Structure formats: C-alpha cells, structure tokens
Amino acid sequence: MNSTDILQKRLAAIVELADQKKIEQEFSDLAKALFNNFEIKKGDDTYEFVEIEFYLYNAKHKDAITYPRMCIEGQWFFHQSGVDISFKSKKAENEKGFVGGGILIRSIENKNDTKLICGPINCMSVLFDQFNAFGHDGNFPIIQAKVAPETRSFGQCKRYVNLSYKPNDEKEKLKEKLKQWPYKDEKDMKEFINKPYRYYRKDITDLSFASENQFTLRLVYTIVIVYGT
C-alpha cells in the first residue's frame, strides 16, 4: 500500500468490516503502511509517523472510546485528545449512534532534524500551529507517499485511555464517561479498553515499553490529557 488513493479507500472500507480478526489485521496493515510508506509534509518540514492509535465503532466492533464524528475518509478530525486521520464516519441507520472512527497521531519525528514530538496534543500543536488566513502557503499538513519506502518493524500495546477523575471509583468513572455517548453501554467500554490498538515503531529508542500492556515515555514534556476534567 504505497498510494494515497489506495490508503483513502482503505480508510473508507474499514468501517464495513464485521469480523474482529479482519478488523485487527487491517489495523496492523494500516500501521505498517503509515510507518513505512507515508509521511506528513508541512511547509519545509517532513514528519514521519512514530506512534498511532486506532479507534473504530460499528455494529460488530463497538469500541465505546471512539469519538463520534461526521467525516469523509482521510479528513483531519480534531477533538479534546488531539487529531485523528478519520475513517469514513457517518450516523448509524438507526440514528442512535454512528459508524466510523480514526487513527490518533501520538508521536511523530521531524525528518529534517530527527526531533521527536511525543504526545497527541504536542503533535497537533506542531502540525497545525499556523496558516495563512488569506491564501494557501503550503504550510497545511498533507499526507504523501514516500519516495523510498522503509521496512521498519513495529510493536503494539494497549492505548492510553485515562478515566481518572473524582470520584475515584472505577464503576462511577465508566458511568460518567458513558454519559457522553448515550447509545453505548458499560460492556462496550470494558471490552475494548485494554485492546492492543496502539502501534509504535521499534527503532525509536526514546519510546520505552515496560511490557506489551504498559506504556512508559521517558520524555518529561509529554502532555497528558485527563478525560472528564
């Protein structure tokens, strides 16, 4: 997968998948493609994908952590946790929910100076910091295919989903979180909260994984967004 047209088609088709194994395989295939075949061009700078997370909600994959949205495939979608590359997303037929989701950008690397930008808010701030209000100046970030694809390996672990806020009771946290999405239930949240839907490049030494299920970042300037505050 080394064409942006093919990539966009995959971002549209994924929401129609109904088999859990096929969905997870598509997550891995998309992660491999983004890490090896694509990059983000912004003005004179080029950024490579380092760490991403997948969120998908449909009738057979009710990942209740996914932010609802109305987007065409490949649109940038901004939310309180950062910015996603969106899947094709729309209202569900019963209008009680939606079908869609996207790929959260958690870490990127500037190819010009190898500077690592960690944390979804930091990535959003760097990519979308300033634009010409009176015309196109080439400073808007665009995903493009690499001239020379890479062959990098990658790993995966659970996503960072912080439900920590007062009152400090897990069941109450889930209930408060679910108020944002009235068409979802507690079972959906619990089923997907520990899924290994975070993908990361293994060649980046500044990212340290204590285990496949626990993420530790050794950079003190990473911003953590606390849900519900």
Protein backbone atom coordinates (compact mmCIF):
# COMPACT_ATOMS: atom_id res chain seq x y z
CA MET A 1 0.00 0.00 0.00
CA ASN A 2 2.05 2.96 -1.26
CA SER A 3 -0.58 5.16 -2.90
CA THR A 4 -2.59 7.84 -1.12
CA ASP A 5 -5.62 6.88 -3.24
CA ILE A 6 -5.41 3.28 -2.04
CA LEU A 7 -4.88 4.47 1.53
CA GLN A 8 -8.03 6.59 1.40
CA LYS A 9 -10.04 3.67 0.02
CA ARG A 10 -8.86 1.53 2.93
CA LEU A 11 -9.88 4.28 5.38
CA ALA A 12 -13.37 4.11 3.89
CA ALA A 13 -13.68 0.33 3.64
CA ILE A 14 -12.56 -0.49 7.18
CA VAL A 15 -15.83 0.70 8.73
CA GLU A 16 -17.74 -2.00 6.82
CA LEU A 17 -15.71 -4.87 8.28
CA ALA A 18 -17.66 -7.11 10.65
CA ASP A 19 -15.11 -9.75 11.63
CA GLN A 20 -12.95 -8.93 14.67
CA LYS A 21 -9.84 -10.66 13.29
CA LYS A 22 -10.14 -8.88 9.95
CA ILE A 23 -10.51 -5.52 11.70
CA GLU A 24 -7.42 -6.10 13.81
CA GLN A 25 -5.47 -7.30 10.77
CA GLU A 26 -6.49 -4.13 8.93
CA PHE A 27 -5.26 -2.04 11.89
CA SER A 28 -1.87 -3.76 11.60
CA ASP A 29 -1.76 -3.34 7.83
CA LEU A 30 -2.59 0.36 8.07
CA ALA A 31 0.01 0.87 10.82
CA LYS A 32 2.66 -0.87 8.70
CA ALA A 33 1.75 1.33 5.73
CA LEU A 34 1.85 4.60 7.69
CA PHE A 35 5.18 3.76 9.34
CA ASN A 36 6.87 2.63 6.13
CA ASN A 37 5.17 4.13 3.10
CA PHE A 38 3.74 7.51 4.12
CA GLU A 39 4.79 10.78 5.74
CA ILE A 40 3.33 14.19 6.57
CA LYS A 41 4.55 17.19 4.58
CA LYS A 42 4.15 20.63 6.19
CA GLY A 43 5.92 23.53 4.53
CA ASP A 44 9.65 22.77 4.50
CA ASP A 45 9.31 20.07 7.13
CA THR A 46 8.51 16.40 6.72
CA TYR A 47 7.28 14.27 9.60
CA GLU A 48 7.26 10.50 9.94
CA PHE A 49 4.72 8.52 11.92
CA VAL A 50 6.17 7.05 15.12
CA GLU A 51 3.19 6.13 17.31
CA ILE A 52 -0.52 5.86 16.49
CA GLU A 53 -3.75 4.51 17.98
CA PHE A 54 -6.82 3.04 16.29
CA TYR A 55 -10.46 3.72 17.20
CA LEU A 56 -13.38 2.14 15.34
CA TYR A 57 -17.07 1.92 16.17
CA ASN A 58 -19.56 -0.10 14.14
CA ALA A 59 -22.27 -2.68 14.79
CA LYS A 60 -19.74 -5.51 15.22
CA HIS A 61 -16.89 -3.54 16.80
CA LYS A 62 -18.39 -1.29 19.47
CA ASP A 63 -15.27 0.45 20.69
CA ALA A 64 -17.03 2.87 23.04
CA ILE A 65 -13.92 5.02 23.45
CA THR A 66 -14.22 6.29 19.86
CA TYR A 67 -15.16 9.96 19.45
CA PRO A 68 -18.34 10.36 17.35
CA ARG A 69 -17.85 12.37 14.16
CA MET A 70 -19.16 13.08 10.67
CA CYS A 71 -16.19 12.88 8.29
CA ILE A 72 -15.14 11.63 4.90
CA GLU A 73 -12.20 9.25 4.81
CA GLY A 74 -8.85 10.97 5.21
CA GLN A 75 -10.08 14.16 6.86
CA TRP A 76 -8.25 15.59 9.84
CA PHE A 77 -10.57 15.40 12.87
CA PHE A 78 -9.81 17.49 15.95
CA HIS A 79 -11.01 16.55 19.43
CA GLN A 80 -10.06 17.12 23.06
CA SER A 81 -7.32 14.50 22.93
CA GLY A 82 -5.56 15.52 19.70
CA VAL A 83 -6.08 14.94 15.99
CA ASP A 84 -7.14 11.85 14.01
CA ILE A 85 -6.85 10.75 10.41
CA SER A 86 -10.51 9.86 10.04
CA PHE A 87 -12.15 6.78 8.69
CA LYS A 88 -15.34 7.28 6.70
CA SER A 89 -17.73 8.23 9.50
CA LYS A 90 -21.47 8.83 9.49
CA LYS A 91 -24.64 8.42 11.53
CA ALA A 92 -25.83 4.87 12.00
CA GLU A 93 -29.02 3.88 10.21
CA ASN A 94 -30.98 3.79 13.46
CA GLU A 95 -29.63 7.29 14.31
CA LYS A 96 -28.80 6.14 17.85
CA GLY A 97 -25.12 6.01 17.14
CA PHE A 98 -22.56 6.34 14.40
CA VAL A 99 -20.24 4.24 12.26
CA GLY A 100 -16.65 5.35 11.95
CA GLY A 101 -13.56 6.38 13.84
CA GLY A 102 -9.98 7.18 13.01
CA ILE A 103 -6.27 6.97 13.74
CA LEU A 104 -4.93 9.16 16.55
CA ILE A 105 -1.45 10.57 15.96
CA ARG A 106 0.51 10.15 19.21
CA SER A 107 4.14 10.69 18.15
CA ILE A 108 5.94 11.94 15.03
CA GLU A 109 9.55 12.56 14.02
CA ASN A 110 10.84 15.53 12.03
CA LYS A 111 13.00 14.09 9.23
CA ASN A 112 14.98 17.33 8.90
CA ASP A 113 16.44 17.32 12.41
CA THR A 114 15.24 13.93 13.80
CA LYS A 115 13.41 15.76 16.60
CA LEU A 116 10.81 13.55 18.24
CA ILE A 117 7.42 15.09 19.05
CA CYS A 118 5.63 12.99 21.68
CA GLY A 119 2.04 13.18 22.87
CA PRO A 120 -1.10 13.75 20.76
CA ILE A 121 -1.56 17.39 21.83
CA ASN A 122 2.07 18.18 21.06
CA CYS A 123 1.72 16.56 17.62
CA MET A 124 -1.43 18.55 16.89
CA SER A 125 0.25 21.80 18.00
CA VAL A 126 3.28 21.23 15.77
CA LEU A 127 1.31 20.18 12.69
CA PHE A 128 -1.43 22.79 12.95
CA ASP A 129 0.32 25.77 14.53
CA GLN A 130 -0.20 28.48 11.90
CA PHE A 131 -1.61 29.08 8.39
CA ASN A 132 -2.08 31.98 6.03
CA ALA A 133 -5.56 33.46 6.59
CA PHE A 134 -5.65 34.92 3.05
CA GLY A 135 -4.49 32.05 0.87
CA HIS A 136 -2.62 28.78 0.57
CA ASP A 137 1.00 29.00 1.65
CA GLY A 138 1.92 25.30 1.62
CA ASN A 139 2.01 25.18 5.40
CA PHE A 140 -1.02 22.93 5.82
CA PRO A 141 -0.03 19.31 6.65
CA ILE A 142 -0.63 16.80 3.86
CA ILE A 143 -0.10 13.05 3.93
CA GLN A 144 2.03 11.92 1.00
CA ALA A 145 3.66 8.71 -0.20
CA LYS A 146 7.39 8.33 0.49
CA VAL A 147 9.72 8.31 -2.49
CA ALA A 148 11.66 5.45 -0.90
CA PRO A 149 9.52 3.18 1.32
CA GLU A 150 11.01 1.83 4.57
CA THR A 151 10.98 -1.66 6.07
CA ARG A 152 10.59 -0.85 9.76
CA SER A 153 9.24 -3.26 12.36
CA PHE A 154 6.64 -2.18 14.88
CA GLY A 155 5.01 -3.34 18.09
CA GLN A 156 1.68 -2.83 19.76
CA CYS A 157 0.17 -2.46 23.22
CA LYS A 158 -2.96 -1.10 24.86
CA ARG A 159 -3.98 2.51 24.28
CA TYR A 160 -3.65 5.29 26.81
CA VAL A 161 -7.21 5.92 27.99
CA ASN A 162 -7.23 7.85 31.25
CA LEU A 163 -10.56 7.75 33.06
CA SER A 164 -9.04 9.19 36.22
CA TYR A 165 -11.06 11.91 37.87
CA LYS A 166 -13.07 12.28 41.05
CA PRO A 167 -14.92 10.38 42.41
CA ASN A 168 -12.18 7.77 42.40
CA ASP A 169 -14.39 4.75 41.74
CA GLU A 170 -13.95 2.70 38.56
CA LYS A 171 -17.63 1.97 38.06
CA GLU A 172 -18.56 5.62 38.55
CA LYS A 173 -15.83 6.68 36.11
CA LEU A 174 -17.29 4.43 33.44
CA LYS A 175 -20.81 5.73 34.04
CA GLU A 176 -19.68 9.36 33.82
CA LYS A 177 -17.68 8.68 30.65
CA LEU A 178 -20.58 6.89 29.01
CA LYS A 179 -22.87 9.90 29.51
CA GLN A 180 -21.05 11.43 26.52
CA TRP A 181 -22.30 8.58 24.34
CA PRO A 182 -25.88 7.62 25.32
CA TYR A 183 -26.06 4.86 22.69
CA LYS A 184 -23.16 2.93 24.26
CA ASP A 185 -23.05 0.80 27.38
CA GLU A 186 -20.60 -0.24 30.06
CA LYS A 187 -19.97 -3.61 28.43
CA ASP A 188 -18.70 -1.91 25.27
CA MET A 189 -16.25 0.21 27.26
CA LYS A 190 -14.86 -2.72 29.25
CA GLU A 191 -14.49 -4.96 26.20
CA PHE A 192 -12.20 -2.61 24.30
CA ILE A 193 -10.38 -0.57 26.92
CA ASN A 194 -7.45 -3.00 27.10
CA LYS A 195 -7.24 -3.92 23.43
CA PRO A 196 -3.70 -3.56 21.96
CA TYR A 197 -4.67 -0.90 19.45
CA ARG A 198 -1.63 1.32 19.97
CA TYR A 199 1.16 0.79 17.43
CA TYR A 200 4.72 2.09 17.69
CA ARG A 201 7.95 1.89 15.75
CA LYS A 202 10.56 -0.30 17.43
CA ASP A 203 13.50 1.66 16.04
CA ILE A 204 12.73 4.75 18.12
CA THR A 205 14.77 4.43 21.33
CA ASP A 206 13.08 7.34 23.12
CA LEU A 207 9.91 5.28 23.42
CA SER A 208 10.12 2.64 26.14
CA PHE A 209 7.56 -0.11 26.67
CA ALA A 210 7.71 -1.79 30.07
CA SER A 211 5.54 -4.56 28.65
CA GLU A 212 3.11 -5.13 25.81
CA ASN A 213 0.34 -3.80 28.04
CA GLN A 214 2.06 -0.89 29.75
CA PHE A 215 3.45 2.22 28.14
CA THR A 216 6.18 4.39 29.64
CA LEU A 217 7.52 7.53 27.98
CA ARG A 218 10.89 8.84 29.07
CA LEU A 219 10.30 12.42 27.91
CA VAL A 220 9.20 14.77 30.68
CA TYR A 221 7.50 17.30 28.41
CA THR A 222 4.77 14.93 27.21
CA ILE A 223 1.33 16.40 27.82
CA VAL A 224 -1.26 14.05 29.30
CA ILE A 225 -4.92 14.86 28.76
CA VAL A 226 -7.16 13.75 31.62
CA TYR A 227 -10.63 12.87 30.44
CA GLY A 228 -13.56 14.29 32.34
CA THR A 229 -11.84 17.28 33.92
